[in-house]
Protein backbone atom coordinates (compact mmCIF):
# COMPACT_ATOMS: atom_id res chain seq x y z
CA UNK A 1 42.58 -123.03 242.42
CA UNK A 2 41.25 -121.03 244.76
CA UNK A 3 43.15 -118.82 247.03
CA UNK A 4 43.51 -119.77 250.90
CA UNK A 5 42.81 -117.03 253.03
CA UNK A 6 43.95 -118.23 256.24
CA UNK A 7 46.32 -120.61 257.68
CA UNK A 8 48.22 -121.78 260.62
CA UNK A 9 51.80 -122.86 261.39
CA UNK A 10 53.94 -124.33 263.81
CA UNK A 11 57.24 -125.83 264.17
CA UNK A 12 57.98 -129.20 264.65
CA UNK A 13 58.88 -128.75 268.28
CA UNK A 14 55.43 -127.19 268.81
CA UNK A 15 53.74 -129.87 266.97
CA UNK A 16 55.50 -132.53 269.00
CA UNK A 17 55.00 -130.74 272.43
CA UNK A 18 51.23 -130.62 271.32
CA UNK A 19 50.83 -134.23 270.62
CA UNK A 20 52.54 -135.37 273.65
CA UNK A 21 50.00 -133.66 275.67
CA UNK A 22 46.88 -134.00 273.66
CA UNK A 23 46.97 -137.73 272.28
CA UNK A 24 46.69 -139.67 275.53
CA UNK A 25 47.39 -143.03 276.05
CA UNK A 26 43.61 -143.61 277.45
CA UNK A 27 42.33 -142.12 274.02
CA UNK A 28 40.51 -139.35 276.06
CA UNK A 29 40.41 -135.71 274.82
CA UNK A 30 42.69 -133.29 275.91
CA UNK A 31 43.15 -129.59 275.75
CA UNK A 32 45.70 -126.62 276.00
CA UNK A 33 46.31 -122.88 274.93
CA UNK A 34 49.06 -121.49 272.98
CA UNK A 35 50.16 -118.09 271.75
CA UNK A 36 50.20 -117.36 268.59
CA UNK A 37 51.70 -114.23 266.05
CA UNK A 38 50.24 -113.02 263.11
CA UNK A 39 52.00 -113.35 259.74
CA UNK A 40 49.93 -111.15 257.09
CA UNK A 41 50.49 -112.04 253.65
CA UNK A 42 49.02 -110.01 250.45
CA UNK A 43 45.98 -112.73 249.97
CA UNK A 44 46.74 -114.89 253.30
CA UNK A 45 46.87 -114.55 257.02
CA UNK A 46 48.60 -117.11 258.83
CA UNK A 47 48.44 -117.55 262.47
CA UNK A 48 52.02 -118.77 263.66
CA UNK A 49 52.04 -120.86 266.88
CA UNK A 50 54.66 -119.70 268.87
CA UNK A 51 54.39 -121.38 271.88
CA UNK A 52 52.06 -123.85 274.37
CA UNK A 53 50.76 -122.71 277.65
CA UNK A 54 50.06 -126.01 279.25
CA UNK A 55 47.41 -126.68 282.17
CA UNK A 56 48.35 -126.98 285.65
CA UNK A 57 46.79 -129.09 288.26
CA UNK A 58 43.23 -128.37 288.38
CA UNK A 59 42.80 -126.34 285.65
CA UNK A 60 41.34 -128.63 282.88
CA UNK A 61 39.39 -131.38 283.16
CA UNK A 62 39.51 -134.83 281.00
CA UNK A 63 36.05 -136.89 281.09
CA UNK A 64 35.45 -137.87 277.51
CA UNK A 65 35.02 -134.25 276.56
CA UNK A 66 37.55 -131.93 278.01
CA UNK A 67 36.99 -128.65 279.48
CA UNK A 68 38.80 -125.98 281.43
CA UNK A 69 38.46 -124.09 284.43
CA UNK A 70 38.15 -120.37 284.16
CA UNK A 71 41.60 -119.67 285.85
CA UNK A 72 43.26 -121.44 283.17
CA UNK A 73 41.56 -119.33 280.51
CA UNK A 74 42.50 -116.20 282.65
CA UNK A 75 45.77 -116.80 283.21
CA UNK A 76 46.54 -117.62 279.39
CA UNK A 77 44.84 -114.76 278.39
CA UNK A 78 47.21 -112.55 280.61
CA UNK A 79 50.05 -113.99 279.26
CA UNK A 80 49.05 -113.52 275.84
CA UNK A 81 47.75 -109.66 276.32
CA UNK A 82 50.99 -109.22 278.23
CA UNK A 83 53.39 -110.61 275.23
CA UNK A 84 51.22 -108.71 272.62
CA UNK A 85 50.26 -112.35 271.38
CA UNK A 86 46.98 -113.64 269.93
CA UNK A 87 45.49 -116.78 271.87
CA UNK A 88 45.05 -120.25 270.56
CA UNK A 89 42.90 -123.27 271.85
CA UNK A 90 43.70 -126.87 271.15
CA UNK A 91 41.90 -129.83 271.64
CA UNK A 92 42.08 -133.28 270.15
CA UNK A 93 39.70 -135.58 268.64
CA UNK A 94 41.88 -139.12 269.38
CA UNK A 95 39.66 -141.50 267.20
CA UNK A 96 39.39 -138.94 264.38
CA UNK A 97 41.36 -139.22 260.93
CA UNK A 98 42.78 -136.19 258.91
CA UNK A 99 41.12 -132.47 259.02
CA UNK A 100 38.45 -132.71 261.69
CA UNK A 101 34.97 -130.96 261.95
CA UNK A 102 33.36 -129.76 264.90
CA UNK A 103 30.78 -130.74 267.52
CA UNK A 104 28.30 -128.42 268.88
CA UNK A 105 30.48 -128.55 272.20
CA UNK A 106 33.51 -127.28 270.27
CA UNK A 107 31.65 -124.59 268.85
CA UNK A 108 30.45 -123.58 271.88
CA UNK A 109 33.90 -123.61 273.75
CA UNK A 110 35.46 -121.60 271.34
CA UNK A 111 32.83 -119.05 270.16
CA UNK A 112 32.18 -118.60 273.70
CA UNK A 113 35.84 -117.29 274.52
CA UNK A 114 36.15 -115.65 271.08
CA UNK A 115 35.13 -112.28 272.61
CA UNK A 116 37.29 -112.26 275.35
CA UNK A 117 40.20 -113.17 273.62
CA UNK A 118 39.58 -110.29 270.93
CA UNK A 119 39.09 -108.04 273.77
CA UNK A 120 42.29 -108.83 275.28
CA UNK A 121 44.78 -109.14 272.71
CA UNK A 122 42.83 -107.54 269.92
CA UNK A 123 43.27 -110.74 267.39
CA UNK A 124 40.89 -113.56 266.87
CA UNK A 125 41.01 -116.63 268.74
CA UNK A 126 42.36 -119.29 266.80
CA UNK A 127 41.05 -122.64 267.28
CA UNK A 128 42.67 -126.06 266.34
CA UNK A 129 41.75 -129.72 266.66
CA UNK A 130 44.57 -132.58 266.71
CA UNK A 131 43.09 -135.90 265.00
CA UNK A 132 44.59 -139.39 266.12
CA UNK A 133 46.60 -139.45 263.04
CA UNK A 134 48.74 -136.27 263.90
CA UNK A 135 46.54 -134.27 261.61
CA UNK A 136 45.79 -130.74 262.08
CA UNK A 137 42.66 -128.65 261.35
CA UNK A 138 42.23 -125.07 262.25
CA UNK A 139 40.06 -122.00 262.00
CA UNK A 140 39.73 -118.17 263.07
CA UNK A 141 36.98 -116.57 265.35
CA UNK A 142 36.67 -113.08 263.87
CA UNK A 143 35.04 -110.26 265.10
CA UNK A 144 32.43 -109.30 262.00
CA UNK A 145 29.85 -107.32 264.66
CA UNK A 146 29.27 -106.26 268.09
CA UNK A 147 29.29 -109.57 270.04
CA UNK A 148 29.20 -111.47 266.55
CA UNK A 149 32.34 -114.26 266.28
CA UNK A 150 31.56 -116.78 263.47
CA UNK A 151 34.02 -119.08 263.09
CA UNK A 152 36.23 -119.05 259.27
CA UNK A 153 38.05 -121.98 258.37
CA UNK A 154 41.65 -122.22 257.30
CA UNK A 155 42.54 -123.71 253.79
CA UNK A 156 45.81 -125.34 255.60
CA UNK A 157 47.89 -126.04 258.67
CA UNK A 158 51.70 -126.28 258.02
CA UNK A 159 54.27 -128.30 260.01
CA UNK A 160 57.72 -126.87 259.72
CA UNK A 161 61.34 -128.35 260.84
CA UNK A 162 63.14 -131.37 259.24
CA UNK A 163 60.16 -132.12 256.79
CA UNK A 164 57.50 -129.61 255.50
CA UNK A 165 54.12 -131.50 256.40
CA UNK A 166 51.11 -129.43 255.38
CA UNK A 167 47.62 -130.70 256.39
CA UNK A 168 44.97 -129.42 254.07
CA UNK A 169 41.22 -128.30 254.46
CA UNK A 170 39.80 -130.42 251.29
CA UNK A 171 36.78 -128.30 251.08
CA UNK A 172 39.23 -125.25 250.22
CA UNK A 173 41.68 -126.75 248.88
CA UNK A 174 40.49 -129.88 247.21
CA UNK A 175 42.72 -132.84 246.29
CA UNK A 176 43.60 -132.50 242.40
CA UNK A 177 42.97 -135.71 240.24
CA UNK A 178 46.28 -136.48 238.66
CA UNK A 179 46.19 -136.10 234.61
CA UNK A 180 47.55 -138.38 231.87
CA UNK A 181 50.62 -136.40 231.67
CA UNK A 182 51.36 -137.12 234.95
CA UNK A 183 51.54 -141.08 235.29
CA UNK A 184 54.99 -141.52 235.31
CA UNK A 185 55.50 -138.95 238.16
CA UNK A 186 52.50 -139.98 240.39
CA UNK A 187 54.10 -143.75 240.00
CA UNK A 188 57.11 -142.45 241.51
CA UNK A 189 55.69 -141.65 244.88
CA UNK A 190 51.63 -142.19 244.60
CA UNK A 191 48.51 -140.28 244.49
CA UNK A 192 48.27 -139.10 248.13
CA UNK A 193 52.00 -137.72 248.15
CA UNK A 194 51.26 -136.15 244.52
CA UNK A 195 48.02 -134.52 246.05
CA UNK A 196 49.82 -132.88 248.57
CA UNK A 197 52.88 -131.82 246.61
CA UNK A 198 50.80 -130.12 243.83
CA UNK A 199 48.84 -127.85 246.42
CA UNK A 200 51.72 -126.27 247.75
CA UNK A 201 52.06 -122.57 246.84
CA UNK A 202 55.58 -122.19 245.64
CA UNK A 203 57.39 -119.07 244.99
CA UNK A 204 60.34 -118.57 243.08
CA UNK A 205 62.56 -115.45 243.82
CA UNK A 206 64.69 -114.69 240.73
CA UNK A 207 63.90 -116.13 237.51
CA UNK A 208 67.04 -116.24 235.75
CA UNK A 209 68.92 -119.08 234.73
CA UNK A 210 68.51 -121.24 237.83
CA UNK A 211 64.91 -120.08 238.70
CA UNK A 212 63.99 -120.70 234.98
CA UNK A 213 64.51 -124.75 235.22
CA UNK A 214 63.42 -124.72 239.00
CA UNK A 215 60.09 -123.38 237.21
CA UNK A 216 59.51 -125.67 234.51
CA UNK A 217 60.59 -128.84 236.71
CA UNK A 218 57.65 -127.75 238.92
CA UNK A 219 55.13 -127.10 236.42
CA UNK A 220 55.89 -130.41 234.79
CA UNK A 221 55.57 -132.29 238.17
CA UNK A 222 52.07 -130.90 238.76
CA UNK A 223 52.56 -128.17 240.85
CA UNK A 224 49.17 -125.97 240.77
CA UNK A 225 50.28 -122.80 242.43
CA UNK A 226 53.47 -121.11 241.63
CA UNK A 227 54.54 -117.46 242.06
CA UNK A 228 57.25 -115.79 239.91
CA UNK A 229 58.96 -113.07 241.14
CA UNK A 230 61.57 -110.73 239.50
CA UNK A 231 62.05 -107.16 238.51
CA UNK A 232 64.64 -107.61 235.92
CA UNK A 233 64.38 -107.72 231.74
CA UNK A 234 65.66 -110.22 229.36
CA UNK A 235 68.77 -109.08 227.76
CA UNK A 236 71.03 -110.40 224.97
CA UNK A 237 73.63 -111.17 227.55
CA UNK A 238 71.22 -113.55 228.82
CA UNK A 239 70.33 -115.65 226.24
CA UNK A 240 73.05 -118.56 226.81
CA UNK A 241 71.40 -119.33 230.08
CA UNK A 242 67.74 -119.01 230.06
CA UNK A 243 65.96 -121.89 229.25
CA UNK A 244 63.06 -119.92 228.35
CA UNK A 245 63.75 -116.98 226.31
CA UNK A 246 64.73 -116.20 222.60
CA UNK A 247 65.56 -113.00 220.96
CA UNK A 248 62.02 -112.15 220.24
CA UNK A 249 61.71 -111.75 224.60
CA UNK A 250 64.91 -109.17 224.55
CA UNK A 251 63.47 -106.29 226.47
CA UNK A 252 60.42 -108.05 228.03
CA UNK A 253 60.15 -108.68 231.93
CA UNK A 254 61.62 -111.98 232.92
CA UNK A 255 58.45 -113.00 234.76
CA UNK A 256 56.37 -112.43 231.51
CA UNK A 257 58.65 -114.50 229.42
CA UNK A 258 59.00 -117.40 231.88
CA UNK A 259 55.39 -117.08 232.60
CA UNK A 260 54.38 -117.59 229.23
CA UNK A 261 56.72 -120.44 228.54
CA UNK A 262 55.43 -122.53 231.33
CA UNK A 263 52.09 -122.08 230.59
CA UNK A 264 51.71 -124.78 228.06
CA UNK A 265 54.09 -127.09 229.53
CA UNK A 266 52.22 -127.33 232.76
CA UNK A 267 50.83 -131.02 233.57
CA UNK A 268 48.14 -129.97 236.10
CA UNK A 269 44.49 -129.76 234.77
CA UNK A 270 44.55 -126.23 236.33
CA UNK A 271 47.77 -124.47 237.00
CA UNK A 272 47.81 -120.64 238.25
CA UNK A 273 50.90 -118.49 237.66
CA UNK A 274 51.44 -115.07 239.21
CA UNK A 275 54.06 -113.01 237.95
CA UNK A 276 55.13 -110.47 240.44
CA UNK A 277 57.51 -107.86 238.47
CA UNK A 278 59.03 -106.78 241.93
CA UNK A 279 61.93 -107.54 244.31
CA UNK A 280 61.37 -109.35 247.32
CA UNK A 281 62.49 -106.57 249.73
CA UNK A 282 59.82 -104.23 248.31
CA UNK A 283 56.90 -104.05 250.58
CA UNK A 284 54.07 -105.38 248.34
CA UNK A 285 56.06 -108.32 246.91
CA UNK A 286 57.26 -109.18 250.41
CA UNK A 287 53.59 -109.68 251.55
CA UNK A 288 53.13 -111.81 248.40
CA UNK A 289 55.98 -114.00 249.56
CA UNK A 290 54.40 -114.83 252.93
CA UNK A 291 51.55 -116.03 250.67
CA UNK A 292 53.43 -118.94 249.87
CA UNK A 293 54.13 -122.55 251.63
CA UNK A 294 57.85 -122.70 250.40
CA UNK A 295 60.04 -120.30 248.49
CA UNK A 296 62.97 -120.97 246.15
CA UNK A 297 65.94 -118.26 246.69
CA UNK A 298 67.27 -117.72 243.37
CA UNK A 299 68.88 -114.17 243.72
CA UNK A 300 72.76 -113.45 244.05
CA UNK A 301 72.69 -110.27 246.11
CA UNK A 302 72.61 -110.27 249.78
CA UNK A 303 69.59 -108.09 250.50
CA UNK A 304 67.12 -110.37 248.67
CA UNK A 305 68.69 -113.30 250.91
CA UNK A 306 68.43 -111.52 254.31
CA UNK A 307 64.92 -110.73 253.53
CA UNK A 308 64.64 -114.64 252.59
CA UNK A 309 66.41 -115.75 255.61
CA UNK A 310 64.01 -113.39 258.18
CA UNK A 311 60.60 -114.99 256.13
CA UNK A 312 62.17 -118.54 257.00
CA UNK A 313 62.25 -118.10 260.47
CA UNK A 314 60.23 -115.35 261.75
CA UNK A 315 57.17 -116.40 259.29
CA UNK A 316 58.09 -120.29 258.72
CA UNK A 317 58.32 -120.60 255.09
CA UNK A 318 60.88 -122.73 254.31
CA UNK A 319 63.66 -121.35 251.85
CA UNK A 320 65.51 -123.58 249.13
CA UNK A 321 68.54 -121.95 248.02
CA UNK A 322 71.75 -122.60 246.48
CA UNK A 323 74.18 -120.82 244.16
CA UNK A 324 77.01 -121.18 241.62
CA UNK A 325 80.68 -119.76 241.66
CA UNK A 326 82.88 -120.01 238.95
CA UNK A 327 86.54 -118.79 238.94
CA UNK A 328 89.41 -118.71 236.06
CA UNK A 329 93.17 -118.91 237.10
CA UNK A 330 95.68 -116.12 235.77
CA UNK A 331 95.80 -117.80 232.64
CA UNK A 332 92.08 -117.42 232.00
CA UNK A 333 91.38 -121.00 232.24
CA UNK A 334 88.77 -122.48 234.28
CA UNK A 335 89.88 -123.31 237.77
CA UNK A 336 87.04 -124.09 239.55
CA UNK A 337 83.00 -124.15 239.06
CA UNK A 338 81.27 -124.86 242.44
CA UNK A 339 77.52 -125.27 243.08
CA UNK A 340 75.51 -125.62 246.30
CA UNK A 341 72.00 -126.22 247.38
CA UNK A 342 70.47 -126.61 250.95
CA UNK A 343 67.30 -125.54 252.69
CA UNK A 344 66.81 -123.08 255.22
CA UNK A 345 64.13 -123.95 257.83
CA UNK A 346 63.62 -124.45 261.34
CA UNK A 347 66.34 -126.82 263.17
CA UNK A 348 68.86 -126.36 260.24
CA UNK A 349 71.41 -123.43 259.36
CA UNK A 350 70.12 -120.22 258.20
CA UNK A 351 71.54 -118.77 254.68
CA UNK A 352 73.80 -116.38 257.04
CA UNK A 353 75.19 -119.19 258.69
CA UNK A 354 75.65 -121.04 255.79
CA UNK A 355 78.05 -118.30 254.43
CA UNK A 356 75.71 -117.31 251.55
CA UNK A 357 75.81 -113.62 252.22
CA UNK A 358 77.29 -110.91 254.36
CA UNK A 359 75.08 -108.85 256.33
CA UNK A 360 77.67 -106.23 255.92
CA UNK A 361 76.47 -105.86 252.59
CA UNK A 362 73.03 -105.68 253.00
CA UNK A 363 73.18 -101.79 253.59
CA UNK A 364 75.85 -101.23 251.12
CA UNK A 365 73.04 -102.89 248.62
CA UNK A 366 70.38 -100.70 249.96
CA UNK A 367 72.38 -97.49 249.20
CA UNK A 368 72.83 -98.69 246.02
CA UNK A 369 76.40 -99.01 245.66
CA UNK A 370 76.31 -102.70 244.20
CA UNK A 371 74.91 -101.00 241.00
CA UNK A 372 77.52 -98.73 240.78
CA UNK A 373 80.46 -99.89 238.42
CA UNK A 374 82.78 -98.00 240.25
CA UNK A 375 82.09 -99.80 244.00
CA UNK A 376 82.18 -103.05 241.78
CA UNK A 377 85.63 -102.16 240.08
CA UNK A 378 87.35 -101.49 243.74
CA UNK A 379 86.19 -105.20 244.90
CA UNK A 380 89.12 -107.89 244.75
CA UNK A 381 89.02 -109.93 241.46
CA UNK A 382 88.20 -112.83 243.42
CA UNK A 383 85.26 -110.95 245.45
CA UNK A 384 81.53 -113.20 245.16
CA UNK A 385 80.29 -110.01 243.83
CA UNK A 386 82.53 -109.95 240.87
CA UNK A 387 82.70 -113.47 240.01
CA UNK A 388 79.48 -113.92 238.14
CA UNK A 389 80.63 -115.96 235.58
CA UNK A 390 78.22 -118.87 234.57
CA UNK A 391 77.02 -121.31 231.64
CA UNK A 392 73.80 -123.19 231.15
CA UNK A 393 74.98 -126.70 232.22
CA UNK A 394 75.80 -125.15 235.65
CA UNK A 395 72.64 -123.55 236.09
CA UNK A 396 70.98 -126.98 235.12
CA UNK A 397 72.83 -128.76 237.66
CA UNK A 398 72.56 -126.18 240.34
CA UNK A 399 68.52 -126.43 239.70
CA UNK A 400 68.43 -129.79 239.60
CA UNK A 401 69.91 -129.86 243.05
CA UNK A 402 67.85 -127.47 244.71
CA UNK A 403 64.49 -129.20 243.25
CA UNK A 404 65.90 -132.58 244.59
CA UNK A 405 66.42 -130.57 248.12
CA UNK A 406 62.79 -129.45 247.77
CA UNK A 407 61.52 -132.79 246.69
CA UNK A 408 62.83 -134.74 249.90
CA UNK A 409 61.87 -131.66 252.59
CA UNK A 410 58.15 -132.35 250.94
CA UNK A 411 57.93 -135.64 250.23
CA UNK A 412 60.54 -137.18 253.09
CA UNK A 413 61.38 -140.52 251.00
CA UNK A 414 61.82 -143.12 253.99
CA UNK A 415 61.53 -140.47 256.11
CA UNK A 416 64.80 -139.13 255.11
CA UNK A 417 63.71 -135.34 254.22
CA UNK A 418 67.30 -134.08 255.51
CA UNK A 419 70.13 -134.46 253.03
CA UNK A 420 72.14 -131.73 254.26
CA UNK A 421 73.95 -128.80 252.91
CA UNK A 422 75.19 -130.01 249.53
CA UNK A 423 78.56 -128.49 247.76
CA UNK A 424 79.55 -130.20 244.39
CA UNK A 425 82.72 -129.42 242.60
CA UNK A 426 82.70 -129.65 238.82
CA UNK A 427 86.68 -129.56 238.73
CA UNK A 428 87.30 -132.86 240.27
CA UNK A 429 84.07 -134.02 240.13
CA UNK A 430 83.01 -134.78 243.29
CA UNK A 431 80.49 -133.68 246.00
CA UNK A 432 81.84 -132.54 249.51
CA UNK A 433 80.50 -134.08 252.92
CA UNK A 434 77.30 -132.61 253.45
CA UNK A 435 76.84 -130.07 256.39
CA UNK A 436 74.16 -130.54 259.23
CA UNK A 437 73.41 -128.76 261.98
CA UNK A 438 71.81 -125.68 263.44
CA UNK A 439 72.55 -121.94 263.40
CA UNK A 440 75.34 -120.57 265.89
CA UNK A 441 74.57 -119.31 269.40
CA UNK A 442 74.99 -115.68 268.44
CA UNK A 443 72.67 -115.92 265.11
CA UNK A 444 69.81 -113.38 265.17
CA UNK A 445 67.31 -115.60 263.21
CA UNK A 446 67.03 -118.19 265.58
CA UNK A 447 65.44 -115.87 268.53
CA UNK A 448 63.01 -114.93 265.56
CA UNK A 449 61.46 -118.16 265.24
CA UNK A 450 57.44 -117.93 264.71
CA UNK A 451 57.39 -113.90 265.69
CA UNK A 452 56.03 -113.21 262.28
CA UNK A 453 54.89 -109.49 262.02
CA UNK A 454 56.11 -108.93 265.51
CA UNK A 455 59.47 -109.70 264.95
CA UNK A 456 60.17 -106.43 265.42
CA UNK A 457 63.07 -106.64 262.28
CA UNK A 458 62.26 -104.30 259.10
CA UNK A 459 63.85 -105.80 256.22
CA UNK A 460 62.15 -103.77 253.62
CA UNK A 461 62.76 -100.98 251.41
CA UNK A 462 62.22 -99.18 248.12
CA UNK A 463 64.53 -100.51 245.09
CA UNK A 464 66.98 -97.47 244.04
CA UNK A 465 67.76 -96.47 240.48
CA UNK A 466 70.25 -98.51 239.12
CA UNK A 467 73.57 -96.66 238.67
CA UNK A 468 73.42 -93.74 236.02
CA UNK A 469 69.73 -94.12 235.63
CA UNK A 470 66.70 -91.98 236.61
CA UNK A 471 64.17 -93.75 238.95
CA UNK A 472 61.90 -94.43 236.15
CA UNK A 473 64.03 -96.62 234.21
CA UNK A 474 64.95 -98.75 237.15
CA UNK A 475 61.85 -99.45 237.70
CA UNK A 476 60.85 -100.76 234.36
CA UNK A 477 63.67 -103.06 234.44
């Protein structure tokens, strides 16, 4: 599958406002500007549409083909330059369906203003077209030489909110044909849904017991583009929980052992599995995560979850998260085994507000204390960082719940995309009432939505050596 070099993303709120303005009852075309922020991955650059700049009285003309007055462009350009954002030009093709091409007038309007937009903002003009069926298409007008601004088509436009909706450029990301090994899967939700689902680029952050089960479920479902990220290696103590490892894998990187296990089990005609032997908070790995449309959080440390929380809101990439906690009583008997699953995305509570990590421990981990046995020993016996017991069956169940959360988000059966944050209790055998809602009013992350690389929050850093190890040993784990 070819890599998509450019994309656009927006929140469901921005998408709704754009549709309300651009898709007119009289079926005429309309137009508006918007501000966008860059999100630069390792191989993909994304324009995050932050907010619309709607026209005022007399600033645009609707006459079949919509046009705008110079004063409207100058006002929008001044706002973009003043806020350190890029400028986007949005217009509608109300009679169109799916990904749209461009008329000669469309090209003239966008290319003719690309130079001024780049000169004022230092960022390319982004053009978007909204079809009558609410499908988006997009392109970047990038400067390649003095006074030269050719159009470069995006591969996708994603709308992020209660559901994840991705509009694909079929020339760059052609819909795959389902294979004979996918017949039963496709029969559940149809060819169109399978084509959209299989083209998602999905990243699994943490390839331990839960991540391994999720990865296998994805490649068997037909996902074509999967990224595995983990710096750790298979140890003998892991073998009771890793579905993909045997004694022969002890000492190997988890991403390599899992990648080798997945390749012959993939049902897609072509399945690309990228292996990243790093932590998501390391600079290059962080950028690789930004190349994804959706991420699974299978980490159990605060720093990784903190990074993924930022990616969710600042970069508009939903994160499917979960976790397992097992507790024994004073007699050493199993007292509780709980696992949870939820999606952190726009309009839902973030991982911090859900209580999935403590921001106060992020710096503690950055300083290497969570790998210091003396620090862990001083923690209370019931502290989450100390309660790490787990078994194969619990991992399998948690992975299943997270996978179902992802499917609800992406295929939205009967328009029901949000099952809420779920918590299951093995002891007692019951699911708690799901949690809905949004972040707290004081939450930092809700103020960073769609700010991307300009959010001003630095979450990356270097992975420190494990306690008692030289740096070279830590880097090789």
